[in-house]
């Protein structure tokens, strides 16, 4: 790789690292796995940086690599992760405890979704990407994104404890997004 391409890649990584790790975290549910997934995707991007930088959106290209690497991770791992019914004990009276508990319930709910549905939910509702871009990242039709979002939201709606966290407006917003 030429020095100018190397510098461009380093600038891309330093500018997008935290965003890519956040997306990977939402895909994996674990900070360490997210960092490993991001490093794997960026290593692949480095090897083909000339092709990546010529794309319309290098970030979208690398985001697709994240989703693909995450899917590969599920294909390779035969042992299923098992979540506990309740998070570890926390100290009483901490104002952040409620927020942490809500986040744990949400992450547990996301973990129950198949990888493709989880990727759709992450990109549509956390990344706030339009269906067309999600479809492009996943390599499918926009209708598939809609149906996967609908199925995922149906599963999330019946997840124990999640309904109490989301108020009516949040549920309505997610449902409206799925019907677009």
Protein backbone atom coordinates (compact mmCIF):
# COMPACT_ATOMS: atom_id res chain seq x y z
CA UNK A 1 0.00 0.00 0.00
CA UNK A 2 1.29 3.46 -0.86
CA UNK A 3 2.05 5.98 1.86
CA UNK A 4 -0.85 8.25 0.89
CA UNK A 5 -3.29 5.32 0.93
CA UNK A 6 -1.89 4.20 4.29
CA UNK A 7 -2.43 7.71 5.70
CA UNK A 8 -5.96 7.82 4.27
CA UNK A 9 -6.79 4.46 5.86
CA UNK A 10 -5.37 5.55 9.23
CA UNK A 11 -7.44 8.74 9.06
CA UNK A 12 -10.56 6.70 8.25
CA UNK A 13 -9.94 4.35 11.18
CA UNK A 14 -9.25 7.12 13.67
CA UNK A 15 -12.32 9.05 12.55
CA UNK A 16 -14.77 6.12 12.46
CA UNK A 17 -13.42 3.71 15.11
CA UNK A 18 -15.85 4.59 17.90
CA UNK A 19 -18.84 4.57 15.57
CA UNK A 20 -17.89 1.19 14.10
CA UNK A 21 -17.29 -0.29 17.57
CA UNK A 22 -20.70 0.99 18.70
CA UNK A 23 -22.36 -0.66 15.72
CA UNK A 24 -20.43 -3.87 16.37
CA UNK A 25 -21.45 -3.75 20.05
CA UNK A 26 -25.08 -3.55 19.08
CA UNK A 27 -24.58 -6.51 16.76
CA UNK A 28 -22.70 -8.64 19.30
CA UNK A 29 -23.91 -7.45 22.71
CA UNK A 30 -20.38 -7.63 24.14
CA UNK A 31 -17.74 -4.89 24.20
CA UNK A 32 -14.81 -7.27 23.72
CA UNK A 33 -16.50 -9.13 20.87
CA UNK A 34 -17.38 -5.75 19.32
CA UNK A 35 -13.76 -4.61 19.36
CA UNK A 36 -12.61 -7.95 17.91
CA UNK A 37 -15.30 -7.77 15.22
CA UNK A 38 -14.32 -4.21 14.32
CA UNK A 39 -10.64 -5.15 14.13
CA UNK A 40 -11.46 -8.11 11.89
CA UNK A 41 -13.54 -5.96 9.55
CA UNK A 42 -10.89 -3.23 9.45
CA UNK A 43 -8.16 -5.79 8.75
CA UNK A 44 -10.16 -6.97 5.74
CA UNK A 45 -10.77 -3.36 4.72
CA UNK A 46 -7.03 -2.67 4.94
CA UNK A 47 -6.23 -5.57 2.63
CA UNK A 48 -8.67 -4.24 0.03
CA UNK A 49 -8.45 -0.52 0.82
CA UNK A 50 -8.05 0.47 -2.86
CA UNK A 51 -11.43 -1.08 -3.63
CA UNK A 52 -13.03 0.23 -0.40
CA UNK A 53 -11.89 3.83 -0.97
CA UNK A 54 -13.25 3.83 -4.53
CA UNK A 55 -16.75 2.93 -3.31
CA UNK A 56 -19.42 5.60 -2.95
CA UNK A 57 -19.25 5.31 0.82
CA UNK A 58 -16.27 3.62 2.45
CA UNK A 59 -18.11 3.65 5.78
CA UNK A 60 -21.08 1.75 4.32
CA UNK A 61 -18.63 -0.71 2.76
CA UNK A 62 -16.94 -1.34 6.11
CA UNK A 63 -20.32 -1.51 7.87
CA UNK A 64 -21.29 -4.30 5.48
CA UNK A 65 -18.01 -6.02 6.35
CA UNK A 66 -19.00 -5.77 10.04
CA UNK A 67 -22.34 -7.45 9.38
CA UNK A 68 -20.71 -10.15 7.26
CA UNK A 69 -17.97 -10.81 9.82
CA UNK A 70 -20.63 -11.03 12.53
CA UNK A 71 -22.60 -13.56 10.49
CA UNK A 72 -19.40 -15.55 9.95
CA UNK A 73 -18.84 -15.50 13.71
CA UNK A 74 -22.20 -17.21 14.23
CA UNK A 75 -21.52 -19.77 11.50
CA UNK A 76 -18.15 -20.71 12.98
CA UNK A 77 -19.24 -20.88 16.61
CA UNK A 78 -21.26 -23.98 17.38
CA UNK A 79 -21.67 -23.22 21.07
CA UNK A 80 -24.70 -21.07 21.77
CA UNK A 81 -24.38 -18.22 24.26
CA UNK A 82 -26.69 -18.53 27.22
CA UNK A 83 -27.92 -15.44 28.96
CA UNK A 84 -28.91 -15.45 32.59
CA UNK A 85 -32.45 -14.54 33.60
CA UNK A 86 -31.26 -11.59 35.65
CA UNK A 87 -28.22 -9.34 35.57
CA UNK A 88 -25.68 -9.56 38.39
CA UNK A 89 -26.57 -7.91 41.66
CA UNK A 90 -26.21 -4.14 41.77
CA UNK A 91 -26.02 -1.78 44.68
CA UNK A 92 -29.31 -0.29 45.84
CA UNK A 93 -29.88 3.43 45.66
CA UNK A 94 -27.61 4.10 42.69
CA UNK A 95 -29.47 6.44 40.29
CA UNK A 96 -27.83 4.76 37.30
CA UNK A 97 -29.11 1.33 38.35
CA UNK A 98 -32.47 1.75 36.62
CA UNK A 99 -30.79 2.81 33.39
CA UNK A 100 -28.36 -0.13 33.57
CA UNK A 101 -31.21 -2.56 34.23
CA UNK A 102 -33.15 -1.20 31.27
CA UNK A 103 -30.10 -1.48 29.04
CA UNK A 104 -29.51 -5.07 30.19
CA UNK A 105 -33.11 -6.01 29.37
CA UNK A 106 -32.80 -4.37 25.96
CA UNK A 107 -29.50 -6.10 25.18
CA UNK A 108 -30.95 -9.44 26.33
CA UNK A 109 -33.92 -8.88 24.05
CA UNK A 110 -31.63 -8.10 21.11
CA UNK A 111 -29.59 -11.23 21.85
CA UNK A 112 -32.69 -13.39 21.26
CA UNK A 113 -32.98 -12.21 17.66
CA UNK A 114 -31.38 -14.12 14.81
CA UNK A 115 -28.30 -12.33 13.40
CA UNK A 116 -30.04 -10.93 10.32
CA UNK A 117 -33.01 -9.55 12.27
CA UNK A 118 -30.64 -8.09 14.84
CA UNK A 119 -28.63 -6.42 12.10
CA UNK A 120 -31.81 -4.90 10.64
CA UNK A 121 -32.93 -3.57 14.04
CA UNK A 122 -29.49 -2.12 14.80
CA UNK A 123 -29.12 -0.40 11.46
CA UNK A 124 -32.73 0.81 11.14
CA UNK A 125 -33.38 2.00 14.69
CA UNK A 126 -29.96 2.71 16.24
CA UNK A 127 -28.07 3.79 13.15
CA UNK A 128 -31.26 5.38 11.74
CA UNK A 129 -30.38 4.23 8.22
CA UNK A 130 -33.06 4.20 5.53
CA UNK A 131 -34.37 0.82 4.39
CA UNK A 132 -32.63 1.14 1.04
CA UNK A 133 -29.22 1.56 2.65
CA UNK A 134 -29.86 -1.29 5.09
CA UNK A 135 -30.88 -3.46 2.14
CA UNK A 136 -27.68 -2.50 0.34
CA UNK A 137 -25.54 -3.32 3.38
CA UNK A 138 -27.24 -6.69 3.87
CA UNK A 139 -27.35 -7.48 0.16
CA UNK A 140 -31.10 -7.97 0.02
CA UNK A 141 -34.26 -6.24 -1.20
CA UNK A 142 -35.90 -3.40 0.77
CA UNK A 143 -38.94 -5.64 1.22
CA UNK A 144 -36.76 -8.16 3.03
CA UNK A 145 -35.59 -5.42 5.38
CA UNK A 146 -39.23 -4.53 6.07
CA UNK A 147 -40.25 -8.13 6.76
CA UNK A 148 -37.19 -8.79 8.94
CA UNK A 149 -37.89 -5.60 10.91
CA UNK A 150 -41.51 -6.61 11.34
CA UNK A 151 -40.60 -10.08 12.59
CA UNK A 152 -37.93 -8.68 14.92
CA UNK A 153 -40.29 -6.10 16.40
CA UNK A 154 -42.91 -8.81 16.96
CA UNK A 155 -40.36 -10.86 18.92
CA UNK A 156 -39.19 -7.83 20.88
CA UNK A 157 -42.78 -6.84 21.71
CA UNK A 158 -43.31 -10.09 23.66
CA UNK A 159 -39.91 -10.15 25.37
CA UNK A 160 -40.45 -10.13 29.17
CA UNK A 161 -39.79 -6.74 30.72
CA UNK A 162 -39.20 -4.86 27.47
CA UNK A 163 -42.75 -3.55 27.19
CA UNK A 164 -42.43 -1.82 30.58
CA UNK A 165 -39.24 -0.05 29.47
CA UNK A 166 -40.54 1.33 26.21
CA UNK A 167 -43.27 3.90 26.51
CA UNK A 168 -46.08 4.00 23.97
CA UNK A 169 -44.36 6.61 21.80
CA UNK A 170 -41.17 4.54 21.44
CA UNK A 171 -43.15 1.44 20.48
CA UNK A 172 -45.23 3.48 18.06
CA UNK A 173 -42.10 4.98 16.48
CA UNK A 174 -40.54 1.54 16.01
CA UNK A 175 -43.77 0.16 14.54
CA UNK A 176 -44.11 3.11 12.16
CA UNK A 177 -40.52 2.58 11.03
CA UNK A 178 -41.23 -1.09 10.32
CA UNK A 179 -44.30 -0.29 8.23
CA UNK A 180 -42.46 2.20 5.95
